Amino acid sequence: MIKKTVDRWGNSQGVRLPKDLLQQIGLDDPVGEEIEIDVRNNEIVIRKADHRSPLEKRFDGFDVEEYFNDQESREIDLGDAIGREEL
């Protein structure tokens, strides 16, 4: 655990975060990086911002190989080609 002092920065307050602490959450070059700050259970939580799209987030934990290994083939035989279907 690291103890820091809250300092005044203009009309705001701030805490300087050591670089090695930021590296632990994946911020190797933190200047200009976006972070998310939240309050949970009376604690301030700081984490690296999640820049994935909502669609990408919906597929968290989805295993493509497992899904297709569990599925039966859904291929449908529509018969022989008629006309110019085959090139």
PDB file of N, CA and C in Angstrom:
ATOM      1  N   MET A   1       0.850  -1.183   0.000  1.00  0.00           N
ATOM      2  CA  MET A   1       0.000   0.000   0.000  1.00  0.00           C
ATOM      3  C   MET A   1       0.888   1.235   0.000  1.00  0.00           C
ATOM      4  N   ILE A   2       0.498   2.199  -0.777  1.00  0.00           N
ATOM      5  CA  ILE A   2       1.228   3.461  -0.872  1.00  0.00           C
ATOM      6  C   ILE A   2       0.375   4.552  -0.247  1.00  0.00           C
ATOM      7  N   LYS A   3       0.975   5.373   0.613  1.00  0.00           N
ATOM      8  CA  LYS A   3       0.253   6.508   1.200  1.00  0.00           C
ATOM      9  C   LYS A   3       0.698   7.780   0.501  1.00  0.00           C
ATOM     10  N   LYS A   4      -0.263   8.584   0.073  1.00  0.00           N
ATOM     11  CA  LYS A   4       0.015   9.850  -0.602  1.00  0.00           C
ATOM     12  C   LYS A   4      -0.791  10.949   0.072  1.00  0.00           C
ATOM     13  N   THR A   5      -0.403  12.188  -0.168  1.00  0.00           N
ATOM     14  CA  THR A   5      -1.097  13.354   0.372  1.00  0.00           C
ATOM     15  C   THR A   5      -1.899  14.017  -0.736  1.00  0.00           C
ATOM     16  N   VAL A   6      -3.108  14.439  -0.402  1.00  0.00           N
ATOM     17  CA  VAL A   6      -3.931  15.177  -1.359  1.00  0.00           C
ATOM     18  C   VAL A   6      -3.418  16.610  -1.387  1.00  0.00           C
ATOM     19  N   ASP A   7      -3.095  17.107  -2.580  1.00  0.00           N
ATOM     20  CA  ASP A   7      -2.574  18.464  -2.750  1.00  0.00           C
ATOM     21  C   ASP A   7      -3.598  19.336  -3.464  1.00  0.00           C
ATOM     22  N   ARG A   8      -3.439  20.645  -3.318  1.00  0.00           N
ATOM     23  CA  ARG A   8      -4.311  21.590  -4.012  1.00  0.00           C
ATOM     24  C   ARG A   8      -3.680  21.910  -5.363  1.00  0.00           C
ATOM     25  N   TRP A   9      -4.485  21.825  -6.433  1.00  0.00           N
ATOM     26  CA  TRP A   9      -4.074  22.188  -7.782  1.00  0.00           C
ATOM     27  C   TRP A   9      -5.089  23.175  -8.298  1.00  0.00           C
ATOM     28  N   GLY A  10      -4.807  24.457  -8.164  1.00  0.00           N
ATOM     29  CA  GLY A  10      -5.775  25.489  -8.543  1.00  0.00           C
ATOM     30  C   GLY A  10      -6.983  25.414  -7.630  1.00  0.00           C
ATOM     31  N   ASN A  11      -8.177  25.296  -8.208  1.00  0.00           N
ATOM     32  CA  ASN A  11      -9.395  25.157  -7.412  1.00  0.00           C
ATOM     33  C   ASN A  11      -9.754  23.700  -7.143  1.00  0.00           C
ATOM     34  N   SER A  12      -8.895  22.778  -7.555  1.00  0.00           N
ATOM     35  CA  SER A  12      -9.162  21.344  -7.393  1.00  0.00           C
ATOM     36  C   SER A  12      -8.164  20.729  -6.429  1.00  0.00           C
ATOM     37  N   GLN A  13      -8.360  19.456  -6.162  1.00  0.00           N
ATOM     38  CA  GLN A  13      -7.411  18.692  -5.367  1.00  0.00           C
ATOM     39  C   GLN A  13      -6.900  17.548  -6.239  1.00  0.00           C
ATOM     40  N   GLY A  14      -5.694  17.090  -5.941  1.00  0.00           N
ATOM     41  CA  GLY A  14      -5.126  16.013  -6.750  1.00  0.00           C
ATOM     42  C   GLY A  14      -4.144  15.175  -5.971  1.00  0.00           C
ATOM     43  N   VAL A  15      -3.898  13.988  -6.501  1.00  0.00           N
ATOM     44  CA  VAL A  15      -2.931  13.055  -5.935  1.00  0.00           C
ATOM     45  C   VAL A  15      -2.014  12.621  -7.071  1.00  0.00           C
ATOM     46  N   ARG A  16      -0.719  12.725  -6.879  1.00  0.00           N
ATOM     47  CA  ARG A  16       0.237  12.248  -7.887  1.00  0.00           C
ATOM     48  C   ARG A  16       0.382  10.739  -7.718  1.00  0.00           C
ATOM     49  N   LEU A  17       0.261  10.036  -8.843  1.00  0.00           N
ATOM     50  CA  LEU A  17       0.357   8.579  -8.812  1.00  0.00           C
ATOM     51  C   LEU A  17       1.711   8.147  -9.358  1.00  0.00           C
ATOM     52  N   PRO A  18       2.454   7.322  -8.616  1.00  0.00           N
ATOM     53  CA  PRO A  18       3.763   6.865  -9.084  1.00  0.00           C
ATOM     54  C   PRO A  18       3.636   6.036 -10.370  1.00  0.00           C
ATOM     55  N   LYS A  19       4.634   6.155 -11.233  1.00  0.00           N
ATOM     56  CA  LYS A  19       4.619   5.460 -12.518  1.00  0.00           C
ATOM     57  C   LYS A  19       4.515   3.947 -12.340  1.00  0.00           C
ATOM     58  N   ASP A  20       5.240   3.383 -11.366  1.00  0.00           N
ATOM     59  CA  ASP A  20       5.193   1.927 -11.176  1.00  0.00           C
ATOM     60  C   ASP A  20       3.799   1.455 -10.754  1.00  0.00           C
ATOM     61  N   LEU A  21       3.059   2.288 -10.053  1.00  0.00           N
ATOM     62  CA  LEU A  21       1.687   1.955  -9.672  1.00  0.00           C
ATOM     63  C   LEU A  21       0.790   1.925 -10.915  1.00  0.00           C
ATOM     64  N   LEU A  22       0.960   2.906 -11.798  1.00  0.00           N
ATOM     65  CA  LEU A  22       0.176   2.952 -13.032  1.00  0.00           C
ATOM     66  C   LEU A  22       0.532   1.801 -13.969  1.00  0.00           C
ATOM     67  N   GLN A  23       1.784   1.378 -13.955  1.00  0.00           N
ATOM     68  CA  GLN A  23       2.191   0.246 -14.791  1.00  0.00           C
ATOM     69  C   GLN A  23       1.483  -1.035 -14.361  1.00  0.00           C
ATOM     70  N   GLN A  24       1.137  -1.138 -13.097  1.00  0.00           N
ATOM     71  CA  GLN A  24       0.450  -2.329 -12.599  1.00  0.00           C
ATOM     72  C   GLN A  24      -0.950  -2.478 -13.187  1.00  0.00           C
ATOM     73  N   ILE A  25      -1.541  -1.391 -13.685  1.00  0.00           N
ATOM     74  CA  ILE A  25      -2.858  -1.484 -14.321  1.00  0.00           C
ATOM     75  C   ILE A  25      -2.747  -1.343 -15.838  1.00  0.00           C
ATOM     76  N   GLY A  26      -1.531  -1.491 -16.366  1.00  0.00           N
ATOM     77  CA  GLY A  26      -1.331  -1.496 -17.809  1.00  0.00           C
ATOM     78  C   GLY A  26      -1.096  -0.144 -18.432  1.00  0.00           C
ATOM     79  N   LEU A  27      -0.778   0.862 -17.641  1.00  0.00           N
ATOM     80  CA  LEU A  27      -0.480   2.193 -18.177  1.00  0.00           C
ATOM     81  C   LEU A  27       1.029   2.400 -18.158  1.00  0.00           C
ATOM     82  N   ASP A  28       1.703   1.902 -19.202  1.00  0.00           N
ATOM     83  CA  ASP A  28       3.161   2.000 -19.261  1.00  0.00           C
ATOM     84  C   ASP A  28       3.628   3.402 -19.625  1.00  0.00           C
ATOM     85  N   ASP A  29       2.869   4.103 -20.451  1.00  0.00           N
ATOM     86  CA  ASP A  29       3.170   5.487 -20.824  1.00  0.00           C
ATOM     87  C   ASP A  29       1.914   6.298 -20.506  1.00  0.00           C
ATOM     88  N   PRO A  30       1.702   6.643 -19.227  1.00  0.00           N
ATOM     89  CA  PRO A  30       0.408   7.156 -18.773  1.00  0.00           C
ATOM     90  C   PRO A  30       0.036   8.570 -19.192  1.00  0.00           C
ATOM     91  N   VAL A  31       0.980   9.392 -19.634  1.00  0.00           N
ATOM     92  CA  VAL A  31       0.655  10.782 -19.958  1.00  0.00           C
ATOM     93  C   VAL A  31      -0.314  10.812 -21.135  1.00  0.00           C
ATOM     94  N   GLY A  32      -1.474  11.416 -20.927  1.00  0.00           N
ATOM     95  CA  GLY A  32      -2.490  11.523 -21.969  1.00  0.00           C
ATOM     96  C   GLY A  32      -3.426  10.330 -22.052  1.00  0.00           C
ATOM     97  N   GLU A  33      -3.153   9.272 -21.285  1.00  0.00           N
ATOM     98  CA  GLU A  33      -4.018   8.088 -21.287  1.00  0.00           C
ATOM     99  C   GLU A  33      -5.315   8.383 -20.546  1.00  0.00           C
ATOM    100  N   GLU A  34      -6.391   7.773 -21.004  1.00  0.00           N
ATOM    101  CA  GLU A  34      -7.688   7.935 -20.366  1.00  0.00           C
ATOM    102  C   GLU A  34      -7.847   6.864 -19.286  1.00  0.00           C
ATOM    103  N   ILE A  35      -8.371   7.272 -18.134  1.00  0.00           N
ATOM    104  CA  ILE A  35      -8.649   6.338 -17.045  1.00  0.00           C
ATOM    105  C   ILE A  35     -10.110   6.485 -16.636  1.00  0.00           C
ATOM    106  N   GLU A  36     -10.611   5.489 -15.921  1.00  0.00           N
ATOM    107  CA  GLU A  36     -11.959   5.544 -15.363  1.00  0.00           C
ATOM    108  C   GLU A  36     -11.821   5.627 -13.848  1.00  0.00           C
ATOM    109  N   ILE A  37     -12.571   6.539 -13.243  1.00  0.00           N
ATOM    110  CA  ILE A  37     -12.532   6.721 -11.794  1.00  0.00           C
ATOM    111  C   ILE A  37     -13.943   6.532 -11.269  1.00  0.00           C
ATOM    112  N   ASP A  38     -14.078   5.722 -10.227  1.00  0.00           N
ATOM    113  CA  ASP A  38     -15.390   5.402  -9.679  1.00  0.00           C
ATOM    114  C   ASP A  38     -15.275   5.343  -8.158  1.00  0.00           C
ATOM    115  N   VAL A  39     -16.390   5.508  -7.482  1.00  0.00           N
ATOM    116  CA  VAL A  39     -16.430   5.350  -6.026  1.00  0.00           C
ATOM    117  C   VAL A  39     -17.280   4.122  -5.735  1.00  0.00           C
ATOM    118  N   ARG A  40     -16.688   3.155  -5.023  1.00  0.00           N
ATOM    119  CA  ARG A  40     -17.390   1.928  -4.643  1.00  0.00           C
ATOM    120  C   ARG A  40     -17.097   1.630  -3.182  1.00  0.00           C
ATOM    121  N   ASN A  41     -18.137   1.394  -2.439  1.00  0.00           N
ATOM    122  CA  ASN A  41     -17.982   1.035  -1.020  1.00  0.00           C
ATOM    123  C   ASN A  41     -17.046   1.993  -0.292  1.00  0.00           C
ATOM    124  N   ASN A  42     -17.243   3.284  -0.533  1.00  0.00           N
ATOM    125  CA  ASN A  42     -16.465   4.315   0.152  1.00  0.00           C
ATOM    126  C   ASN A  42     -14.979   4.303  -0.234  1.00  0.00           C
ATOM    127  N   GLU A  43     -14.654   3.749  -1.415  1.00  0.00           N
ATOM    128  CA  GLU A  43     -13.281   3.729  -1.909  1.00  0.00           C
ATOM    129  C   GLU A  43     -13.245   4.302  -3.322  1.00  0.00           C
ATOM    130  N   ILE A  44     -12.147   4.951  -3.672  1.00  0.00           N
ATOM    131  CA  ILE A  44     -11.957   5.461  -5.031  1.00  0.00           C
ATOM    132  C   ILE A  44     -11.246   4.376  -5.833  1.00  0.00           C
ATOM    133  N   VAL A  45     -11.847   3.988  -6.950  1.00  0.00           N
ATOM    134  CA  VAL A  45     -11.298   2.940  -7.812  1.00  0.00           C
ATOM    135  C   VAL A  45     -10.838   3.592  -9.117  1.00  0.00           C
ATOM    136  N   ILE A  46      -9.570   3.368  -9.480  1.00  0.00           N
ATOM    137  CA  ILE A  46      -9.004   3.906 -10.718  1.00  0.00           C
ATOM    138  C   ILE A  46      -8.608   2.728 -11.590  1.00  0.00           C
ATOM    139  N   ARG A  47      -9.051   2.743 -12.844  1.00  0.00           N
ATOM    140  CA  ARG A  47      -8.682   1.671 -13.768  1.00  0.00           C
ATOM    141  C   ARG A  47      -8.461   2.251 -15.163  1.00  0.00           C
ATOM    142  N   LYS A  48      -7.727   1.505 -15.965  1.00  0.00           N
ATOM    143  CA  LYS A  48      -7.479   1.886 -17.351  1.00  0.00           C
ATOM    144  C   LYS A  48      -8.817   1.897 -18.085  1.00  0.00           C
ATOM    145  N   ALA A  49      -9.038   2.921 -18.916  1.00  0.00           N
ATOM    146  CA  ALA A  49     -10.301   3.037 -19.651  1.00  0.00           C
ATOM    147  C   ALA A  49     -10.436   1.897 -20.656  1.00  0.00           C
ATOM    148  N   ASP A  50     -11.655   1.407 -20.796  1.00  0.00           N
ATOM    149  CA  ASP A  50     -11.971   0.333 -21.731  1.00  0.00           C
ATOM    150  C   ASP A  50     -12.435   0.964 -23.037  1.00  0.00           C
ATOM    151  N   HIS A  51     -11.649   0.805 -24.090  1.00  0.00           N
ATOM    152  CA  HIS A  51     -11.958   1.447 -25.370  1.00  0.00           C
ATOM    153  C   HIS A  51     -12.624   0.495 -26.360  1.00  0.00           C
ATOM    154  N   ARG A  52     -13.072  -0.662 -25.883  1.00  0.00           N
ATOM    155  CA  ARG A  52     -13.720  -1.599 -26.804  1.00  0.00           C
ATOM    156  C   ARG A  52     -15.132  -1.132 -27.126  1.00  0.00           C
ATOM    157  N   SER A  53     -15.612  -1.521 -28.280  1.00  0.00           N
ATOM    158  CA  SER A  53     -16.971  -1.160 -28.683  1.00  0.00           C
ATOM    159  C   SER A  53     -17.974  -1.984 -27.874  1.00  0.00           C
ATOM    160  N   PRO A  54     -19.219  -1.520 -27.781  1.00  0.00           N
ATOM    161  CA  PRO A  54     -20.244  -2.298 -27.072  1.00  0.00           C
ATOM    162  C   PRO A  54     -20.398  -3.708 -27.644  1.00  0.00           C
ATOM    163  N   LEU A  55     -20.229  -3.860 -28.953  1.00  0.00           N
ATOM    164  CA  LEU A  55     -20.338  -5.185 -29.565  1.00  0.00           C
ATOM    165  C   LEU A  55     -19.211  -6.092 -29.082  1.00  0.00           C
ATOM    166  N   GLU A  56     -17.991  -5.561 -29.015  1.00  0.00           N
ATOM    167  CA  GLU A  56     -16.864  -6.360 -28.521  1.00  0.00           C
ATOM    168  C   GLU A  56     -17.101  -6.789 -27.077  1.00  0.00           C
ATOM    169  N   LYS A  57     -17.657  -5.905 -26.264  1.00  0.00           N
ATOM    170  CA  LYS A  57     -17.915  -6.223 -24.859  1.00  0.00           C
ATOM    171  C   LYS A  57     -18.950  -7.336 -24.722  1.00  0.00           C
ATOM    172  N   ARG A  58     -19.916  -7.394 -25.651  1.00  0.00           N
ATOM    173  CA  ARG A  58     -20.938  -8.446 -25.602  1.00  0.00           C
ATOM    174  C   ARG A  58     -20.340  -9.834 -25.813  1.00  0.00           C
ATOM    175  N   PHE A  59     -19.190  -9.898 -26.488  1.00  0.00           N
ATOM    176  CA  PHE A  59     -18.578 -11.190 -26.767  1.00  0.00           C
ATOM    177  C   PHE A  59     -17.514 -11.579 -25.739  1.00  0.00           C
ATOM    178  N   ASP A  60     -17.428 -10.864 -24.625  1.00  0.00           N
ATOM    179  CA  ASP A  60     -16.502 -11.243 -23.554  1.00  0.00           C
ATOM    180  C   ASP A  60     -16.799 -12.676 -23.118  1.00  0.00           C
ATOM    181  N   GLY A  61     -15.777 -13.496 -23.055  1.00  0.00           N
ATOM    182  CA  GLY A  61     -15.945 -14.870 -22.595  1.00  0.00           C
ATOM    183  C   GLY A  61     -16.494 -15.824 -23.647  1.00  0.00           C
ATOM    184  N   PHE A  62     -16.765 -15.340 -24.855  1.00  0.00           N
ATOM    185  CA  PHE A  62     -17.291 -16.202 -25.915  1.00  0.00           C
ATOM    186  C   PHE A  62     -16.143 -16.943 -26.575  1.00  0.00           C
ATOM    187  N   ASP A  63     -16.230 -18.263 -26.600  1.00  0.00           N
ATOM    188  CA  ASP A  63     -15.192 -19.099 -27.201  1.00  0.00           C
ATOM    189  C   ASP A  63     -15.706 -19.622 -28.537  1.00  0.00           C
ATOM    190  N   VAL A  64     -15.185 -19.091 -29.631  1.00  0.00           N
ATOM    191  CA  VAL A  64     -15.653 -19.446 -30.973  1.00  0.00           C
ATOM    192  C   VAL A  64     -15.464 -20.933 -31.242  1.00  0.00           C
ATOM    193  N   GLU A  65     -14.288 -21.464 -30.923  1.00  0.00           N
ATOM    194  CA  GLU A  65     -14.019 -22.880 -31.190  1.00  0.00           C
ATOM    195  C   GLU A  65     -14.972 -23.771 -30.418  1.00  0.00           C
ATOM    196  N   GLU A  66     -15.192 -23.468 -29.154  1.00  0.00           N
ATOM    197  CA  GLU A  66     -16.106 -24.274 -28.343  1.00  0.00           C
ATOM    198  C   GLU A  66     -17.522 -24.214 -28.910  1.00  0.00           C
ATOM    199  N   TYR A  67     -17.942 -23.036 -29.335  1.00  0.00           N
ATOM    200  CA  TYR A  67     -19.286 -22.873 -29.891  1.00  0.00           C
ATOM    201  C   TYR A  67     -19.471 -23.743 -31.130  1.00  0.00           C
ATOM    202  N   PHE A  68     -18.524 -23.687 -32.070  1.00  0.00           N
ATOM    203  CA  PHE A  68     -18.685 -24.441 -33.306  1.00  0.00           C
ATOM    204  C   PHE A  68     -18.439 -25.930 -33.119  1.00  0.00           C
ATOM    205  N   ASN A  69     -17.667 -26.331 -32.121  1.00  0.00           N
ATOM    206  CA  ASN A  69     -17.488 -27.756 -31.845  1.00  0.00           C
ATOM    207  C   ASN A  69     -18.755 -28.360 -31.256  1.00  0.00           C
ATOM    208  N   ASP A  70     -19.531 -27.563 -30.533  1.00  0.00           N
ATOM    209  CA  ASP A  70     -20.763 -28.051 -29.910  1.00  0.00           C
ATOM    210  C   ASP A  70     -21.952 -28.043 -30.865  1.00  0.00           C
ATOM    211  N   GLN A  71     -21.862 -27.344 -31.974  1.00  0.00           N
ATOM    212  CA  GLN A  71     -22.986 -27.203 -32.905  1.00  0.00           C
ATOM    213  C   GLN A  71     -22.925 -28.275 -33.989  1.00  0.00           C
ATOM    214  N   GLU A  72     -24.092 -28.811 -34.320  1.00  0.00           N
ATOM    215  CA  GLU A  72     -24.163 -29.718 -35.456  1.00  0.00           C
ATOM    216  C   GLU A  72     -24.131 -28.879 -36.727  1.00  0.00           C
ATOM    217  N   SER A  73     -23.698 -29.501 -37.814  1.00  0.00           N
ATOM    218  CA  SER A  73     -23.640 -28.784 -39.079  1.00  0.00           C
ATOM    219  C   SER A  73     -25.038 -28.344 -39.483  1.00  0.00           C
ATOM    220  N   ARG A  74     -25.165 -27.121 -39.900  1.00  0.00           N
ATOM    221  CA  ARG A  74     -26.459 -26.599 -40.331  1.00  0.00           C
ATOM    222  C   ARG A  74     -26.467 -26.396 -41.846  1.00  0.00           C
ATOM    223  N   GLU A  75     -25.619 -27.149 -42.523  1.00  0.00           N
ATOM    224  CA  GLU A  75     -25.527 -27.045 -43.962  1.00  0.00           C
ATOM    225  C   GLU A  75     -26.768 -27.682 -44.583  1.00  0.00           C
ATOM    226  N   ILE A  76     -27.345 -27.033 -45.563  1.00  0.00           N
ATOM    227  CA  ILE A  76     -28.562 -27.517 -46.214  1.00  0.00           C
ATOM    228  C   ILE A  76     -28.237 -27.838 -47.664  1.00  0.00           C
ATOM    229  N   ASP A  77     -28.640 -29.026 -48.106  1.00  0.00           N
ATOM    230  CA  ASP A  77     -28.427 -29.419 -49.500  1.00  0.00           C
ATOM    231  C   ASP A  77     -29.589 -28.891 -50.325  1.00  0.00           C
ATOM    232  N   LEU A  78     -29.305 -27.961 -51.211  1.00  0.00           N
ATOM    233  CA  LEU A  78     -30.344 -27.375 -52.055  1.00  0.00           C
ATOM    234  C   LEU A  78     -30.391 -28.013 -53.436  1.00  0.00           C
ATOM    235  N   GLY A  79     -29.689 -29.108 -53.615  1.00  0.00           N
ATOM    236  CA  GLY A  79     -29.720 -29.799 -54.901  1.00  0.00           C
ATOM    237  C   GLY A  79     -28.637 -29.302 -55.836  1.00  0.00           C
ATOM    238  N   ASP A  80     -28.707 -29.787 -57.062  1.00  0.00           N
ATOM    239  CA  ASP A  80     -27.716 -29.417 -58.079  1.00  0.00           C
ATOM    240  C   ASP A  80     -27.902 -27.972 -58.530  1.00  0.00           C
ATOM    241  N   ALA A  81     -26.819 -27.411 -59.040  1.00  0.00           N
ATOM    242  CA  ALA A  81     -26.865 -26.043 -59.557  1.00  0.00           C
ATOM    243  C   ALA A  81     -27.719 -25.992 -60.818  1.00  0.00           C
ATOM    244  N   ILE A  82     -28.510 -24.954 -60.927  1.00  0.00           N
ATOM    245  CA  ILE A  82     -29.340 -24.735 -62.114  1.00  0.00           C
ATOM    246  C   ILE A  82     -28.977 -23.349 -62.633  1.00  0.00           C
ATOM    247  N   GLY A  83     -28.579 -23.260 -63.868  1.00  0.00           N
ATOM    248  CA  GLY A  83     -28.223 -21.951 -64.402  1.00  0.00           C
ATOM    249  C   GLY A  83     -26.771 -21.618 -64.138  1.00  0.00           C
ATOM    250  N   ARG A  84     -26.506 -20.372 -63.695  1.00  0.00           N
ATOM    251  CA  ARG A  84     -25.130 -19.888 -63.584  1.00  0.00           C
ATOM    252  C   ARG A  84     -24.656 -19.743 -62.137  1.00  0.00           C
ATOM    253  N   GLU A  85     -25.189 -20.553 -61.208  1.00  0.00           N
ATOM    254  CA  GLU A  85     -24.753 -20.457 -59.812  1.00  0.00           C
ATOM    255  C   GLU A  85     -23.264 -20.745 -59.659  1.00  0.00           C
ATOM    256  N   GLU A  86     -22.761 -21.704 -60.444  1.00  0.00           N
ATOM    257  CA  GLU A  86     -21.349 -22.063 -60.356  1.00  0.00           C
ATOM    258  C   GLU A  86     -20.561 -21.267 -61.383  1.00  0.00           C
ATOM    259  N   LEU A  87     -19.523 -20.637 -60.966  1.00  0.00           N
ATOM    260  CA  LEU A  87     -18.678 -19.883 -61.891  1.00  0.00           C
ATOM    261  C   LEU A  87     -17.361 -20.581 -62.081  1.00  0.00           C
TER     262      LEU A  87
END
